[in-house]
PDB file of N, CA and C in Angstrom:
ATOM      1  N   MET A   1       0.832  -1.181   0.000  1.00  0.00           N
ATOM      2  CA  MET A   1      -0.001   0.000   0.001  1.00  0.00           C
ATOM      3  C   MET A   1       0.881   1.248   0.000  1.00  0.00           C
ATOM      4  N   SER A   2       0.396   2.239  -0.678  1.00  0.00           N
ATOM      5  CA  SER A   2       1.126   3.491  -0.791  1.00  0.00           C
ATOM      6  C   SER A   2       0.825   4.389   0.401  1.00  0.00           C
ATOM      7  N   ASP A   3       1.737   5.325   0.671  1.00  0.00           N
ATOM      8  CA  ASP A   3       1.458   6.295   1.714  1.00  0.00           C
ATOM      9  C   ASP A   3       0.874   7.573   1.110  1.00  0.00           C
ATOM     10  N   GLN A   4       0.498   7.505  -0.187  1.00  0.00           N
ATOM     11  CA  GLN A   4      -0.120   8.635  -0.869  1.00  0.00           C
ATOM     12  C   GLN A   4      -1.370   9.085  -0.113  1.00  0.00           C
ATOM     13  N   ARG A   5      -1.564  10.398  -0.018  1.00  0.00           N
ATOM     14  CA  ARG A   5      -2.750  10.943   0.630  1.00  0.00           C
ATOM     15  C   ARG A   5      -3.990  10.491  -0.113  1.00  0.00           C
ATOM     16  N   THR A   6      -4.995  10.096   0.620  1.00  0.00           N
ATOM     17  CA  THR A   6      -6.257   9.695   0.002  1.00  0.00           C
ATOM     18  C   THR A   6      -7.352  10.649   0.427  1.00  0.00           C
ATOM     19  N   ASP A   7      -8.319  10.772  -0.429  1.00  0.00           N
ATOM     20  CA  ASP A   7      -9.448  11.645  -0.166  1.00  0.00           C
ATOM     21  C   ASP A   7     -10.600  10.839   0.398  1.00  0.00           C
ATOM     22  N   PHE A   8     -11.444  11.501   1.177  1.00  0.00           N
ATOM     23  CA  PHE A   8     -12.665  10.881   1.694  1.00  0.00           C
ATOM     24  C   PHE A   8     -13.810  11.853   1.467  1.00  0.00           C
ATOM     25  N   LYS A   9     -14.880  11.360   0.866  1.00  0.00           N
ATOM     26  CA  LYS A   9     -16.090  12.147   0.647  1.00  0.00           C
ATOM     27  C   LYS A   9     -17.271  11.279   1.042  1.00  0.00           C
ATOM     28  N   SER A  10     -18.353  11.921   1.404  1.00  0.00           N
ATOM     29  CA  SER A  10     -19.582  11.181   1.678  1.00  0.00           C
ATOM     30  C   SER A  10     -20.773  12.079   1.391  1.00  0.00           C
ATOM     31  N   GLY A  11     -21.930  11.459   1.283  1.00  0.00           N
ATOM     32  CA  GLY A  11     -23.136  12.223   1.025  1.00  0.00           C
ATOM     33  C   GLY A  11     -24.337  11.306   0.881  1.00  0.00           C
ATOM     34  N   TRP A  12     -25.409  11.869   0.398  1.00  0.00           N
ATOM     35  CA  TRP A  12     -26.648  11.124   0.198  1.00  0.00           C
ATOM     36  C   TRP A  12     -27.162  11.386  -1.209  1.00  0.00           C
ATOM     37  N   VAL A  13     -27.851  10.405  -1.766  1.00  0.00           N
ATOM     38  CA  VAL A  13     -28.520  10.539  -3.056  1.00  0.00           C
ATOM     39  C   VAL A  13     -30.006  10.296  -2.807  1.00  0.00           C
ATOM     40  N   ASP A  14     -30.833  11.220  -3.283  1.00  0.00           N
ATOM     41  CA  ASP A  14     -32.282  11.065  -3.158  1.00  0.00           C
ATOM     42  C   ASP A  14     -32.786  10.063  -4.190  1.00  0.00           C
ATOM     43  N   VAL A  15     -33.556   9.097  -3.713  1.00  0.00           N
ATOM     44  CA  VAL A  15     -34.231   8.122  -4.567  1.00  0.00           C
ATOM     45  C   VAL A  15     -35.687   8.062  -4.069  1.00  0.00           C
ATOM     46  N   PRO A  16     -36.585   7.430  -4.811  1.00  0.00           N
ATOM     47  CA  PRO A  16     -37.971   7.374  -4.332  1.00  0.00           C
ATOM     48  C   PRO A  16     -38.073   6.782  -2.921  1.00  0.00           C
ATOM     49  N   HIS A  17     -38.680   7.510  -2.013  1.00  0.00           N
ATOM     50  CA  HIS A  17     -38.952   7.093  -0.640  1.00  0.00           C
ATOM     51  C   HIS A  17     -37.704   6.893   0.223  1.00  0.00           C
ATOM     52  N   ALA A  18     -36.535   7.394  -0.192  1.00  0.00           N
ATOM     53  CA  ALA A  18     -35.327   7.168   0.608  1.00  0.00           C
ATOM     54  C   ALA A  18     -34.214   8.138   0.212  1.00  0.00           C
ATOM     55  N   LYS A  19     -33.204   8.203   1.080  1.00  0.00           N
ATOM     56  CA  LYS A  19     -31.933   8.870   0.800  1.00  0.00           C
ATOM     57  C   LYS A  19     -30.862   7.824   1.039  1.00  0.00           C
ATOM     58  N   ILE A  20     -30.048   7.580   0.023  1.00  0.00           N
ATOM     59  CA  ILE A  20     -29.017   6.543   0.110  1.00  0.00           C
ATOM     60  C   ILE A  20     -27.693   7.194   0.495  1.00  0.00           C
ATOM     61  N   TYR A  21     -27.123   6.718   1.602  1.00  0.00           N
ATOM     62  CA  TYR A  21     -25.831   7.220   2.069  1.00  0.00           C
ATOM     63  C   TYR A  21     -24.715   6.528   1.303  1.00  0.00           C
ATOM     64  N   TRP A  22     -23.730   7.314   0.864  1.00  0.00           N
ATOM     65  CA  TRP A  22     -22.556   6.769   0.192  1.00  0.00           C
ATOM     66  C   TRP A  22     -21.305   7.418   0.775  1.00  0.00           C
ATOM     67  N   GLU A  23     -20.191   6.718   0.639  1.00  0.00           N
ATOM     68  CA  GLU A  23     -18.897   7.291   0.988  1.00  0.00           C
ATOM     69  C   GLU A  23     -17.869   6.777  -0.001  1.00  0.00           C
ATOM     70  N   ALA A  24     -16.875   7.611  -0.269  1.00  0.00           N
ATOM     71  CA  ALA A  24     -15.836   7.272  -1.237  1.00  0.00           C
ATOM     72  C   ALA A  24     -14.483   7.639  -0.648  1.00  0.00           C
ATOM     73  N   SER A  25     -13.510   6.767  -0.855  1.00  0.00           N
ATOM     74  CA  SER A  25     -12.170   7.027  -0.349  1.00  0.00           C
ATOM     75  C   SER A  25     -11.146   6.446  -1.313  1.00  0.00           C
ATOM     76  N   GLY A  26      -9.926   6.902  -1.156  1.00  0.00           N
ATOM     77  CA  GLY A  26      -8.850   6.434  -2.022  1.00  0.00           C
ATOM     78  C   GLY A  26      -8.539   7.463  -3.087  1.00  0.00           C
ATOM     79  N   ASN A  27      -8.109   6.970  -4.232  1.00  0.00           N
ATOM     80  CA  ASN A  27      -7.684   7.811  -5.332  1.00  0.00           C
ATOM     81  C   ASN A  27      -8.865   8.065  -6.266  1.00  0.00           C
ATOM     82  N   ALA A  28      -9.411   9.278  -6.236  1.00  0.00           N
ATOM     83  CA  ALA A  28     -10.578   9.613  -7.060  1.00  0.00           C
ATOM     84  C   ALA A  28     -10.288   9.481  -8.551  1.00  0.00           C
ATOM     85  N   ASP A  29      -9.008   9.453  -8.932  1.00  0.00           N
ATOM     86  CA  ASP A  29      -8.645   9.235 -10.335  1.00  0.00           C
ATOM     87  C   ASP A  29      -8.350   7.771 -10.615  1.00  0.00           C
ATOM     88  N   GLY A  30      -8.448   6.933  -9.588  1.00  0.00           N
ATOM     89  CA  GLY A  30      -8.171   5.511  -9.741  1.00  0.00           C
ATOM     90  C   GLY A  30      -9.369   4.741 -10.271  1.00  0.00           C
ATOM     91  N   VAL A  31      -9.225   3.440 -10.326  1.00  0.00           N
ATOM     92  CA  VAL A  31     -10.294   2.560 -10.789  1.00  0.00           C
ATOM     93  C   VAL A  31     -11.400   2.546  -9.738  1.00  0.00           C
ATOM     94  N   PRO A  32     -12.644   2.863 -10.121  1.00  0.00           N
ATOM     95  CA  PRO A  32     -13.735   2.846  -9.148  1.00  0.00           C
ATOM     96  C   PRO A  32     -14.137   1.420  -8.764  1.00  0.00           C
ATOM     97  N   VAL A  33     -14.304   1.201  -7.474  1.00  0.00           N
ATOM     98  CA  VAL A  33     -14.717  -0.097  -6.946  1.00  0.00           C
ATOM     99  C   VAL A  33     -15.877   0.144  -5.988  1.00  0.00           C
ATOM    100  N   LEU A  34     -17.002  -0.522  -6.241  1.00  0.00           N
ATOM    101  CA  LEU A  34     -18.151  -0.434  -5.351  1.00  0.00           C
ATOM    102  C   LEU A  34     -18.089  -1.587  -4.371  1.00  0.00           C
ATOM    103  N   TYR A  35     -18.252  -1.286  -3.095  1.00  0.00           N
ATOM    104  CA  TYR A  35     -18.314  -2.306  -2.052  1.00  0.00           C
ATOM    105  C   TYR A  35     -19.752  -2.380  -1.548  1.00  0.00           C
ATOM    106  N   LEU A  36     -20.342  -3.575  -1.580  1.00  0.00           N
ATOM    107  CA  LEU A  36     -21.688  -3.806  -1.057  1.00  0.00           C
ATOM    108  C   LEU A  36     -21.592  -4.591   0.236  1.00  0.00           C
ATOM    109  N   HIS A  37     -22.130  -4.018   1.304  1.00  0.00           N
ATOM    110  CA  HIS A  37     -22.091  -4.676   2.602  1.00  0.00           C
ATOM    111  C   HIS A  37     -23.073  -5.842   2.639  1.00  0.00           C
ATOM    112  N   GLY A  38     -22.925  -6.681   3.638  1.00  0.00           N
ATOM    113  CA  GLY A  38     -23.883  -7.759   3.850  1.00  0.00           C
ATOM    114  C   GLY A  38     -25.222  -7.190   4.271  1.00  0.00           C
ATOM    115  N   GLY A  39     -26.190  -8.013   4.299  1.00  0.00           N
ATOM    116  CA  GLY A  39     -27.502  -7.526   4.681  1.00  0.00           C
ATOM    117  C   GLY A  39     -28.557  -8.371   4.011  1.00  0.00           C
ATOM    118  N   PRO A  40     -29.727  -7.890   3.791  1.00  0.00           N
ATOM    119  CA  PRO A  40     -30.170  -6.580   4.214  1.00  0.00           C
ATOM    120  C   PRO A  40     -30.165  -6.438   5.733  1.00  0.00           C
ATOM    121  N   GLY A  41     -30.082  -5.215   6.175  1.00  0.00           N
ATOM    122  CA  GLY A  41     -30.094  -4.938   7.604  1.00  0.00           C
ATOM    123  C   GLY A  41     -28.746  -4.575   8.173  1.00  0.00           C
ATOM    124  N   SER A  42     -27.688  -4.704   7.419  1.00  0.00           N
ATOM    125  CA  SER A  42     -26.350  -4.396   7.895  1.00  0.00           C
ATOM    126  C   SER A  42     -26.019  -2.937   7.551  1.00  0.00           C
ATOM    127  N   SER A  43     -24.730  -2.607   7.531  1.00  0.00           N
ATOM    128  CA  SER A  43     -24.299  -1.255   7.170  1.00  0.00           C
ATOM    129  C   SER A  43     -22.817  -1.282   6.811  1.00  0.00           C
ATOM    130  N   LEU A  44     -22.296  -0.120   6.454  1.00  0.00           N
ATOM    131  CA  LEU A  44     -20.864  -0.001   6.177  1.00  0.00           C
ATOM    132  C   LEU A  44     -20.047  -0.048   7.456  1.00  0.00           C
ATOM    133  N   GLY A  45     -20.714   0.106   8.587  1.00  0.00           N
ATOM    134  CA  GLY A  45     -20.011   0.051   9.871  1.00  0.00           C
ATOM    135  C   GLY A  45     -18.987   1.155   9.996  1.00  0.00           C
ATOM    136  N   ARG A  46     -17.850   0.814  10.538  1.00  0.00           N
ATOM    137  CA  ARG A  46     -16.786   1.802  10.790  1.00  0.00           C
ATOM    138  C   ARG A  46     -15.855   1.983   9.607  1.00  0.00           C
ATOM    139  N   GLY A  47     -16.163   1.355   8.478  1.00  0.00           N
ATOM    140  CA  GLY A  47     -15.360   1.568   7.279  1.00  0.00           C
ATOM    141  C   GLY A  47     -14.207   0.613   7.094  1.00  0.00           C
ATOM    142  N   GLY A  48     -14.174  -0.482   7.842  1.00  0.00           N
ATOM    143  CA  GLY A  48     -13.096  -1.451   7.693  1.00  0.00           C
ATOM    144  C   GLY A  48     -12.975  -2.010   6.288  1.00  0.00           C
ATOM    145  N   TYR A  49     -14.070  -1.973   5.537  1.00  0.00           N
ATOM    146  CA  TYR A  49     -14.045  -2.478   4.155  1.00  0.00           C
ATOM    147  C   TYR A  49     -13.033  -1.729   3.291  1.00  0.00           C
ATOM    148  N   ARG A  50     -12.732  -0.480   3.646  1.00  0.00           N
ATOM    149  CA  ARG A  50     -11.799   0.314   2.838  1.00  0.00           C
ATOM    150  C   ARG A  50     -10.393  -0.277   2.842  1.00  0.00           C
ATOM    151  N   GLN A  51     -10.062  -1.064   3.855  1.00  0.00           N
ATOM    152  CA  GLN A  51      -8.733  -1.664   3.938  1.00  0.00           C
ATOM    153  C   GLN A  51      -8.555  -2.800   2.943  1.00  0.00           C
ATOM    154  N   ARG A  52      -9.621  -3.224   2.288  1.00  0.00           N
ATOM    155  CA  ARG A  52      -9.552  -4.304   1.305  1.00  0.00           C
ATOM    156  C   ARG A  52      -8.930  -3.855  -0.010  1.00  0.00           C
ATOM    157  N   HIS A  53      -8.856  -2.534  -0.244  1.00  0.00           N
ATOM    158  CA  HIS A  53      -8.422  -2.019  -1.532  1.00  0.00           C
ATOM    159  C   HIS A  53      -7.252  -1.052  -1.379  1.00  0.00           C
ATOM    160  N   ASP A  54      -6.371  -1.058  -2.368  1.00  0.00           N
ATOM    161  CA  ASP A  54      -5.203  -0.174  -2.388  1.00  0.00           C
ATOM    162  C   ASP A  54      -5.667   1.263  -2.663  1.00  0.00           C
ATOM    163  N   PRO A  55      -5.575   2.162  -1.679  1.00  0.00           N
ATOM    164  CA  PRO A  55      -6.075   3.518  -1.869  1.00  0.00           C
ATOM    165  C   PRO A  55      -5.273   4.337  -2.880  1.00  0.00           C
ATOM    166  N   ALA A  56      -4.084   3.910  -3.227  1.00  0.00           N
ATOM    167  CA  ALA A  56      -3.293   4.629  -4.221  1.00  0.00           C
ATOM    168  C   ALA A  56      -3.779   4.329  -5.637  1.00  0.00           C
ATOM    169  N   ARG A  57      -4.370   3.158  -5.832  1.00  0.00           N
ATOM    170  CA  ARG A  57      -4.789   2.747  -7.184  1.00  0.00           C
ATOM    171  C   ARG A  57      -6.297   2.753  -7.387  1.00  0.00           C
ATOM    172  N   LEU A  58      -7.053   2.638  -6.295  1.00  0.00           N
ATOM    173  CA  LEU A  58      -8.491   2.443  -6.430  1.00  0.00           C
ATOM    174  C   LEU A  58      -9.281   3.531  -5.718  1.00  0.00           C
ATOM    175  N   TRP A  59     -10.449   3.810  -6.230  1.00  0.00           N
ATOM    176  CA  TRP A  59     -11.411   4.715  -5.603  1.00  0.00           C
ATOM    177  C   TRP A  59     -12.534   3.839  -5.082  1.00  0.00           C
ATOM    178  N   THR A  60     -12.596   3.630  -3.793  1.00  0.00           N
ATOM    179  CA  THR A  60     -13.553   2.708  -3.181  1.00  0.00           C
ATOM    180  C   THR A  60     -14.800   3.455  -2.748  1.00  0.00           C
ATOM    181  N   ILE A  61     -15.931   2.979  -3.253  1.00  0.00           N
ATOM    182  CA  ILE A  61     -17.218   3.568  -2.921  1.00  0.00           C
ATOM    183  C   ILE A  61     -18.031   2.534  -2.152  1.00  0.00           C
ATOM    184  N   GLY A  62     -18.578   2.937  -1.027  1.00  0.00           N
ATOM    185  CA  GLY A  62     -19.486   2.090  -0.264  1.00  0.00           C
ATOM    186  C   GLY A  62     -20.814   2.800  -0.131  1.00  0.00           C
ATOM    187  N   LEU A  63     -21.881   2.038  -0.019  1.00  0.00           N
ATOM    188  CA  LEU A  63     -23.178   2.652   0.236  1.00  0.00           C
ATOM    189  C   LEU A  63     -23.944   1.804   1.231  1.00  0.00           C
ATOM    190  N   ASP A  64     -24.722   2.481   2.039  1.00  0.00           N
ATOM    191  CA  ASP A  64     -25.624   1.775   2.946  1.00  0.00           C
ATOM    192  C   ASP A  64     -26.903   1.508   2.173  1.00  0.00           C
ATOM    193  N   GLN A  65     -27.270   0.243   2.080  1.00  0.00           N
ATOM    194  CA  GLN A  65     -28.457  -0.129   1.327  1.00  0.00           C
ATOM    195  C   GLN A  65     -29.695   0.557   1.882  1.00  0.00           C
ATOM    196  N   ARG A  66     -30.682   0.647   1.036  1.00  0.00           N
ATOM    197  CA  ARG A  66     -31.980   1.242   1.395  1.00  0.00           C
ATOM    198  C   ARG A  66     -32.455   0.679   2.733  1.00  0.00           C
ATOM    199  N   GLY A  67     -32.786   1.590   3.660  1.00  0.00           N
ATOM    200  CA  GLY A  67     -33.300   1.182   4.963  1.00  0.00           C
ATOM    201  C   GLY A  67     -32.244   0.781   5.968  1.00  0.00           C
ATOM    202  N   CYS A  68     -30.966   0.842   5.607  1.00  0.00           N
ATOM    203  CA  CYS A  68     -29.879   0.362   6.476  1.00  0.00           C
ATOM    204  C   CYS A  68     -28.901   1.484   6.831  1.00  0.00           C
ATOM    205  N   GLY A  69     -28.194   1.286   7.929  1.00  0.00           N
ATOM    206  CA  GLY A  69     -27.097   2.178   8.307  1.00  0.00           C
ATOM    207  C   GLY A  69     -27.501   3.634   8.334  1.00  0.00           C
ATOM    208  N   LYS A  70     -26.741   4.467   7.602  1.00  0.00           N
ATOM    209  CA  LYS A  70     -26.995   5.902   7.571  1.00  0.00           C
ATOM    210  C   LYS A  70     -28.005   6.301   6.502  1.00  0.00           C
ATOM    211  N   SER A  71     -28.436   5.363   5.660  1.00  0.00           N
ATOM    212  CA  SER A  71     -29.480   5.678   4.690  1.00  0.00           C
ATOM    213  C   SER A  71     -30.782   5.907   5.438  1.00  0.00           C
ATOM    214  N   THR A  72     -31.606   6.796   4.899  1.00  0.00           N
ATOM    215  CA  THR A  72     -32.845   7.134   5.585  1.00  0.00           C
ATOM    216  C   THR A  72     -34.033   6.980   4.656  1.00  0.00           C
ATOM    217  N   PRO A  73     -35.210   6.719   5.161  1.00  0.00           N
ATOM    218  CA  PRO A  73     -35.453   6.323   6.547  1.00  0.00           C
ATOM    219  C   PRO A  73     -35.008   4.881   6.774  1.00  0.00           C
ATOM    220  N   THR A  74     -34.821   4.518   8.035  1.00  0.00           N
ATOM    221  CA  THR A  74     -34.505   3.136   8.339  1.00  0.00           C
ATOM    222  C   THR A  74     -35.762   2.293   8.115  1.00  0.00           C
ATOM    223  N   VAL A  75     -35.575   1.014   7.907  1.00  0.00           N
ATOM    224  CA  VAL A  75     -36.707   0.129   7.636  1.00  0.00           C
ATOM    225  C   VAL A  75     -37.778   0.249   8.709  1.00  0.00           C
ATOM    226  N   GLN A  76     -37.390   0.219   9.970  1.00  0.00           N
ATOM    227  CA  GLN A  76     -38.384   0.249  11.047  1.00  0.00           C
ATOM    228  C   GLN A  76     -39.146   1.566  11.103  1.00  0.00           C
ATOM    229  N   ASP A  77     -38.595   2.625  10.502  1.00  0.00           N
ATOM    230  CA  ASP A  77     -39.283   3.909  10.480  1.00  0.00           C
ATOM    231  C   ASP A  77     -40.123   4.118   9.219  1.00  0.00           C
ATOM    232  N   ASP A  78     -40.142   3.132   8.314  1.00  0.00           N
ATOM    233  CA  ASP A  78     -40.834   3.286   7.040  1.00  0.00           C
ATOM    234  C   ASP A  78     -41.474   1.976   6.594  1.00  0.00           C
ATOM    235  N   LEU A  79     -42.169   1.341   7.510  1.00  0.00           N
ATOM    236  CA  LEU A  79     -42.750   0.021   7.217  1.00  0.00           C
ATOM    237  C   LEU A  79     -43.739   0.054   6.059  1.00  0.00           C
ATOM    238  N   GLU A  80     -44.373   1.187   5.805  1.00  0.00           N
ATOM    239  CA  GLU A  80     -45.341   1.245   4.708  1.00  0.00           C
ATOM    240  C   GLU A  80     -44.683   1.039   3.344  1.00  0.00           C
ATOM    241  N   HIS A  81     -43.363   1.275   3.228  1.00  0.00           N
ATOM    242  CA  HIS A  81     -42.660   1.084   1.960  1.00  0.00           C
ATOM    243  C   HIS A  81     -41.786  -0.171   1.942  1.00  0.00           C
ATOM    244  N   LEU A  82     -41.879  -1.001   2.958  1.00  0.00           N
ATOM    245  CA  LEU A  82     -41.037  -2.187   3.036  1.00  0.00           C
ATOM    246  C   LEU A  82     -41.228  -3.111   1.838  1.00  0.00           C
ATOM    247  N   ALA A  83     -42.441  -3.244   1.348  1.00  0.00           N
ATOM    248  CA  ALA A  83     -42.697  -4.114   0.194  1.00  0.00           C
ATOM    249  C   ALA A  83     -41.950  -3.636  -1.054  1.00  0.00           C
ATOM    250  N   GLY A  84     -41.609  -2.355  -1.099  1.00  0.00           N
ATOM    251  CA  GLY A  84     -40.857  -1.811  -2.228  1.00  0.00           C
ATOM    252  C   GLY A  84     -39.357  -1.980  -2.107  1.00  0.00           C
ATOM    253  N   ASN A  85     -38.906  -2.564  -1.010  1.00  0.00           N
ATOM    254  CA  ASN A  85     -37.467  -2.787  -0.797  1.00  0.00           C
ATOM    255  C   ASN A  85     -37.086  -4.090  -1.486  1.00  0.00           C
ATOM    256  N   THR A  86     -37.035  -4.038  -2.802  1.00  0.00           N
ATOM    257  CA  THR A  86     -36.792  -5.217  -3.638  1.00  0.00           C
ATOM    258  C   THR A  86     -35.391  -5.170  -4.238  1.00  0.00           C
ATOM    259  N   THR A  87     -34.975  -6.283  -4.811  1.00  0.00           N
ATOM    260  CA  THR A  87     -33.681  -6.303  -5.499  1.00  0.00           C
ATOM    261  C   THR A  87     -33.644  -5.254  -6.598  1.00  0.00           C
ATOM    262  N   ALA A  88     -34.732  -5.119  -7.346  1.00  0.00           N
ATOM    263  CA  ALA A  88     -34.783  -4.112  -8.415  1.00  0.00           C
ATOM    264  C   ALA A  88     -34.601  -2.699  -7.844  1.00  0.00           C
ATOM    265  N   ALA A  89     -35.231  -2.404  -6.711  1.00  0.00           N
ATOM    266  CA  ALA A  89     -35.088  -1.085  -6.090  1.00  0.00           C
ATOM    267  C   ALA A  89     -33.655  -0.869  -5.609  1.00  0.00           C
ATOM    268  N   LEU A  90     -33.035  -1.896  -5.034  1.00  0.00           N
ATOM    269  CA  LEU A  90     -31.655  -1.773  -4.567  1.00  0.00           C
ATOM    270  C   LEU A  90     -30.711  -1.526  -5.742  1.00  0.00           C
ATOM    271  N   ILE A  91     -30.941  -2.210  -6.862  1.00  0.00           N
ATOM    272  CA  ILE A  91     -30.119  -1.982  -8.058  1.00  0.00           C
ATOM    273  C   ILE A  91     -30.314  -0.560  -8.574  1.00  0.00           C
ATOM    274  N   ALA A  92     -31.552  -0.081  -8.561  1.00  0.00           N
ATOM    275  CA  ALA A  92     -31.806   1.303  -8.979  1.00  0.00           C
ATOM    276  C   ALA A  92     -31.086   2.288  -8.066  1.00  0.00           C
ATOM    277  N   ASP A  93     -31.039   2.000  -6.766  1.00  0.00           N
ATOM    278  CA  ASP A  93     -30.312   2.856  -5.823  1.00  0.00           C
ATOM    279  C   ASP A  93     -28.820   2.883  -6.157  1.00  0.00           C
ATOM    280  N   ILE A  94     -28.263   1.721  -6.437  1.00  0.00           N
ATOM    281  CA  ILE A  94     -26.847   1.624  -6.798  1.00  0.00           C
ATOM    282  C   ILE A  94     -26.577   2.436  -8.053  1.00  0.00           C
ATOM    283  N   GLU A  95     -27.451   2.316  -9.038  1.00  0.00           N
ATOM    284  CA  GLU A  95     -27.286   3.077 -10.279  1.00  0.00           C
ATOM    285  C   GLU A  95     -27.394   4.574 -10.026  1.00  0.00           C
ATOM    286  N   ALA A  96     -28.271   4.986  -9.122  1.00  0.00           N
ATOM    287  CA  ALA A  96     -28.407   6.409  -8.793  1.00  0.00           C
ATOM    288  C   ALA A  96     -27.103   6.945  -8.186  1.00  0.00           C
ATOM    289  N   VAL A  97     -26.480   6.168  -7.324  1.00  0.00           N
ATOM    290  CA  VAL A  97     -25.202   6.577  -6.734  1.00  0.00           C
ATOM    291  C   VAL A  97     -24.124   6.639  -7.815  1.00  0.00           C
ATOM    292  N   ARG A  98     -24.081   5.640  -8.694  1.00  0.00           N
ATOM    293  CA  ARG A  98     -23.092   5.621  -9.782  1.00  0.00           C
ATOM    294  C   ARG A  98     -23.215   6.876 -10.647  1.00  0.00           C
ATOM    295  N   ARG A  99     -24.435   7.189 -11.049  1.00  0.00           N
ATOM    296  CA  ARG A  99     -24.651   8.385 -11.880  1.00  0.00           C
ATOM    297  C   ARG A  99     -24.293   9.665 -11.114  1.00  0.00           C
ATOM    298  N   HIS A 100     -24.689   9.737  -9.846  1.00  0.00           N
ATOM    299  CA  HIS A 100     -24.394  10.907  -9.010  1.00  0.00           C
ATOM    300  C   HIS A 100     -22.892  11.175  -8.942  1.00  0.00           C
ATOM    301  N   LEU A 101     -22.108  10.118  -8.862  1.00  0.00           N
ATOM    302  CA  LEU A 101     -20.653  10.266  -8.756  1.00  0.00           C
ATOM    303  C   LEU A 101     -19.969  10.377 -10.121  1.00  0.00           C
ATOM    304  N   GLY A 102     -20.745  10.282 -11.200  1.00  0.00           N
ATOM    305  CA  GLY A 102     -20.177  10.425 -12.548  1.00  0.00           C
ATOM    306  C   GLY A 102     -19.330   9.244 -12.971  1.00  0.00           C
ATOM    307  N   ILE A 103     -19.660   8.072 -12.464  1.00  0.00           N
ATOM    308  CA  ILE A 103     -18.888   6.867 -12.784  1.00  0.00           C
ATOM    309  C   ILE A 103     -19.552   6.147 -13.948  1.00  0.00           C
ATOM    310  N   GLU A 104     -18.771   5.853 -14.984  1.00  0.00           N
ATOM    311  CA  GLU A 104     -19.305   5.143 -16.146  1.00  0.00           C
ATOM    312  C   GLU A 104     -19.421   3.649 -15.871  1.00  0.00           C
ATOM    313  N   GLN A 105     -18.372   3.081 -15.302  1.00  0.00           N
ATOM    314  CA  GLN A 105     -18.388   1.667 -14.932  1.00  0.00           C
ATOM    315  C   GLN A 105     -17.470   1.455 -13.736  1.00  0.00           C
ATOM    316  N   TRP A 106     -17.748   0.375 -12.993  1.00  0.00           N
ATOM    317  CA  TRP A 106     -16.959   0.102 -11.804  1.00  0.00           C
ATOM    318  C   TRP A 106     -16.873  -1.392 -11.558  1.00  0.00           C
ATOM    319  N   ILE A 107     -15.950  -1.750 -10.716  1.00  0.00           N
ATOM    320  CA  ILE A 107     -15.818  -3.125 -10.251  1.00  0.00           C
ATOM    321  C   ILE A 107     -16.707  -3.245  -9.015  1.00  0.00           C
ATOM    322  N   ILE A 108     -17.444  -4.345  -8.912  1.00  0.00           N
ATOM    323  CA  ILE A 108     -18.323  -4.534  -7.763  1.00  0.00           C
ATOM    324  C   ILE A 108     -17.759  -5.643  -6.881  1.00  0.00           C
ATOM    325  N   THR A 109     -17.611  -5.338  -5.594  1.00  0.00           N
ATOM    326  CA  THR A 109     -17.159  -6.313  -4.615  1.00  0.00           C
ATOM    327  C   THR A 109     -18.133  -6.288  -3.437  1.00  0.00           C
ATOM    328  N   GLY A 110     -18.027  -7.251  -2.559  1.00  0.00           N
ATOM    329  CA  GLY A 110     -18.880  -7.234  -1.388  1.00  0.00           C
ATOM    330  C   GLY A 110     -18.737  -8.502  -0.566  1.00  0.00           C
ATOM    331  N   VAL A 111     -19.543  -8.582   0.462  1.00  0.00           N
ATOM    332  CA  VAL A 111     -19.567  -9.738   1.339  1.00  0.00           C
ATOM    333  C   VAL A 111     -21.007 -10.182   1.547  1.00  0.00           C
ATOM    334  N   SER A 112     -21.177 -11.427   1.952  1.00  0.00           N
ATOM    335  CA  SER A 112     -22.488 -11.930   2.330  1.00  0.00           C
ATOM    336  C   SER A 112     -23.499 -11.650   1.236  1.00  0.00           C
ATOM    337  N   TRP A 113     -24.652 -11.059   1.601  1.00  0.00           N
ATOM    338  CA  TRP A 113     -25.689 -10.764   0.631  1.00  0.00           C
ATOM    339  C   TRP A 113     -25.168  -9.855  -0.476  1.00  0.00           C
ATOM    340  N   GLY A 114     -24.271  -8.939  -0.127  1.00  0.00           N
ATOM    341  CA  GLY A 114     -23.725  -7.993  -1.108  1.00  0.00           C
ATOM    342  C   GLY A 114     -22.884  -8.646  -2.181  1.00  0.00           C
ATOM    343  N   ALA A 115     -22.484  -9.889  -1.987  1.00  0.00           N
ATOM    344  CA  ALA A 115     -21.643 -10.578  -2.955  1.00  0.00           C
ATOM    345  C   ALA A 115     -22.428 -11.519  -3.859  1.00  0.00           C
ATOM    346  N   HIS A 116     -23.713 -11.640  -3.655  1.00  0.00           N
ATOM    347  CA  HIS A 116     -24.504 -12.595  -4.438  1.00  0.00           C
ATOM    348  C   HIS A 116     -25.121 -11.955  -5.645  1.00  0.00           C
TER     349      HIS A 116
END
């Protein structure tokens, strides 16, 4: 791993019935890599996933899935829309984050549910 300074950014993207939290770290000019956490119901946690990628070469993006972590509203606060929390909706959320960050294509990695 390089000792090159890395950048960290975070924010939210508005999608129907939710705001999706995202964070990005590493080399913003590097190869974009999306990390999907386990779940549903999990989160990015304390960011340990960022240690999986070389910050000098890669731009690592993580997002908290709809209803999880820092994304709002949480599932328990929005039960009326729980039926809409589908794989298709989660993919649309991922695409919204990709477009928001201006990424044309990326490598997708993850654990547990996020890797399937």
